[in-house]
């Protein structure tokens, strides 16, 4: 009986450690902050995965020339070289449009 309790405790400990490790990995993969495409500088935009110096400069120049981006489709149309898949990856990495979820994410939300 004593051995059975020890085995159970080891399994329980392993499961707890696995859950903790998975939770930590998920927390690390999620963006720790949001970057608003309509107010961020080129330097700040570069903190978003998928936006380097060239893309950041193009985004800021387009925004200054033609006004804020409305949603992900607007960004896709107005900035050459940024496709819909790139925009989706950027939003997953913390890119936002004035605090509103981009159109790509809004499609999956069911409104009753």
Protein backbone atom coordinates (compact mmCIF):
# COMPACT_ATOMS: atom_id res chain seq x y z
CA UNK A 1 0.00 0.00 0.00
CA UNK A 2 2.84 2.37 0.85
CA UNK A 3 4.46 1.71 -2.55
CA UNK A 4 1.13 2.37 -4.30
CA UNK A 5 0.84 5.76 -2.57
CA UNK A 6 4.39 6.67 -3.57
CA UNK A 7 3.68 5.72 -7.21
CA UNK A 8 0.49 7.78 -7.18
CA UNK A 9 2.31 10.79 -5.70
CA UNK A 10 5.05 10.56 -8.33
CA UNK A 11 2.46 10.45 -11.14
CA UNK A 12 0.59 13.36 -9.62
CA UNK A 13 3.82 15.33 -9.31
CA UNK A 14 4.76 14.56 -12.94
CA UNK A 15 1.33 15.69 -14.17
CA UNK A 16 1.57 18.90 -12.17
CA UNK A 17 5.04 19.65 -13.50
CA UNK A 18 3.94 18.94 -17.07
CA UNK A 19 0.94 21.26 -16.70
CA UNK A 20 3.17 23.98 -15.27
CA UNK A 21 5.69 23.59 -18.10
CA UNK A 22 2.98 23.73 -20.78
CA UNK A 23 1.41 26.78 -19.17
CA UNK A 24 4.78 28.53 -19.09
CA UNK A 25 5.41 27.77 -22.76
CA UNK A 26 2.01 29.14 -23.73
CA UNK A 27 2.65 32.31 -21.75
CA UNK A 28 5.99 32.80 -23.47
CA UNK A 29 4.53 32.37 -26.94
CA UNK A 30 1.77 34.94 -26.41
CA UNK A 31 2.56 38.60 -27.03
CA UNK A 32 3.36 40.41 -23.82
CA UNK A 33 2.06 43.73 -25.14
CA UNK A 34 0.04 45.17 -28.00
CA UNK A 35 1.51 47.44 -30.65
CA UNK A 36 -0.98 49.82 -32.26
CA UNK A 37 -0.16 50.16 -35.96
CA UNK A 38 -1.73 53.63 -36.07
CA UNK A 39 0.36 55.21 -33.33
CA UNK A 40 3.62 53.24 -33.07
CA UNK A 41 6.89 54.57 -34.40
CA UNK A 42 8.95 52.57 -36.88
CA UNK A 43 11.23 51.52 -34.03
CA UNK A 44 8.31 50.20 -31.95
CA UNK A 45 6.77 48.40 -34.94
CA UNK A 46 9.99 46.43 -35.35
CA UNK A 47 9.23 44.68 -32.04
CA UNK A 48 6.40 42.81 -33.78
CA UNK A 49 7.46 39.50 -35.30
CA UNK A 50 7.42 39.86 -39.08
CA UNK A 51 8.11 43.60 -39.16
CA UNK A 52 11.68 44.60 -39.86
CA UNK A 53 13.13 48.04 -40.59
CA UNK A 54 11.95 48.13 -44.22
CA UNK A 55 8.36 47.12 -43.45
CA UNK A 56 8.18 49.41 -40.45
CA UNK A 57 9.32 52.36 -42.56
CA UNK A 58 6.78 51.51 -45.30
CA UNK A 59 3.95 51.25 -42.76
CA UNK A 60 4.77 54.59 -41.12
CA UNK A 61 5.19 56.37 -44.46
CA UNK A 62 1.85 55.03 -45.75
CA UNK A 63 0.11 55.96 -42.51
CA UNK A 64 1.51 59.50 -42.59
CA UNK A 65 0.59 59.94 -46.27
CA UNK A 66 -2.93 58.44 -46.30
CA UNK A 67 -4.10 58.26 -42.68
CA UNK A 68 -4.64 55.44 -40.19
CA UNK A 69 -5.22 51.83 -41.15
CA UNK A 70 -8.79 50.68 -40.62
CA UNK A 71 -8.15 46.93 -40.45
CA UNK A 72 -5.92 44.13 -41.72
CA UNK A 73 -7.34 44.26 -45.25
CA UNK A 74 -6.55 47.97 -45.42
CA UNK A 75 -2.93 47.25 -44.42
CA UNK A 76 -2.75 44.44 -46.96
CA UNK A 77 -3.97 46.71 -49.78
CA UNK A 78 -1.97 49.81 -48.91
CA UNK A 79 1.48 48.44 -48.07
CA UNK A 80 3.23 46.57 -50.85
CA UNK A 81 4.69 43.22 -49.82
CA UNK A 82 2.39 42.60 -46.87
CA UNK A 83 -0.04 39.78 -47.60
CA UNK A 84 -2.94 38.49 -45.55
CA UNK A 85 -0.91 35.64 -44.03
CA UNK A 86 1.78 38.09 -42.94
CA UNK A 87 -0.86 40.30 -41.34
CA UNK A 88 -2.30 37.32 -39.46
CA UNK A 89 1.13 36.44 -38.08
CA UNK A 90 1.71 40.06 -37.08
CA UNK A 91 -1.60 40.26 -35.22
CA UNK A 92 -0.76 37.02 -33.41
CA UNK A 93 2.48 38.72 -32.35
CA UNK A 94 0.69 41.74 -30.88
CA UNK A 95 -0.13 44.10 -33.77
CA UNK A 96 -3.46 45.90 -33.27
CA UNK A 97 -5.56 48.43 -35.13
CA UNK A 98 -6.59 51.14 -32.61
CA UNK A 99 -7.27 48.54 -29.96
CA UNK A 100 -9.83 46.76 -32.15
CA UNK A 101 -9.24 43.22 -33.31
CA UNK A 102 -8.33 43.10 -36.99
CA UNK A 103 -10.86 41.78 -39.49
CA UNK A 104 -9.02 38.46 -39.79
CA UNK A 105 -9.76 37.63 -36.17
CA UNK A 106 -13.21 39.19 -36.12
CA UNK A 107 -14.42 36.66 -38.71
CA UNK A 108 -14.14 33.83 -36.21
CA UNK A 109 -16.32 35.53 -33.58
CA UNK A 110 -20.00 34.60 -33.69
CA UNK A 111 -22.36 37.40 -32.75
CA UNK A 112 -25.80 36.41 -31.46
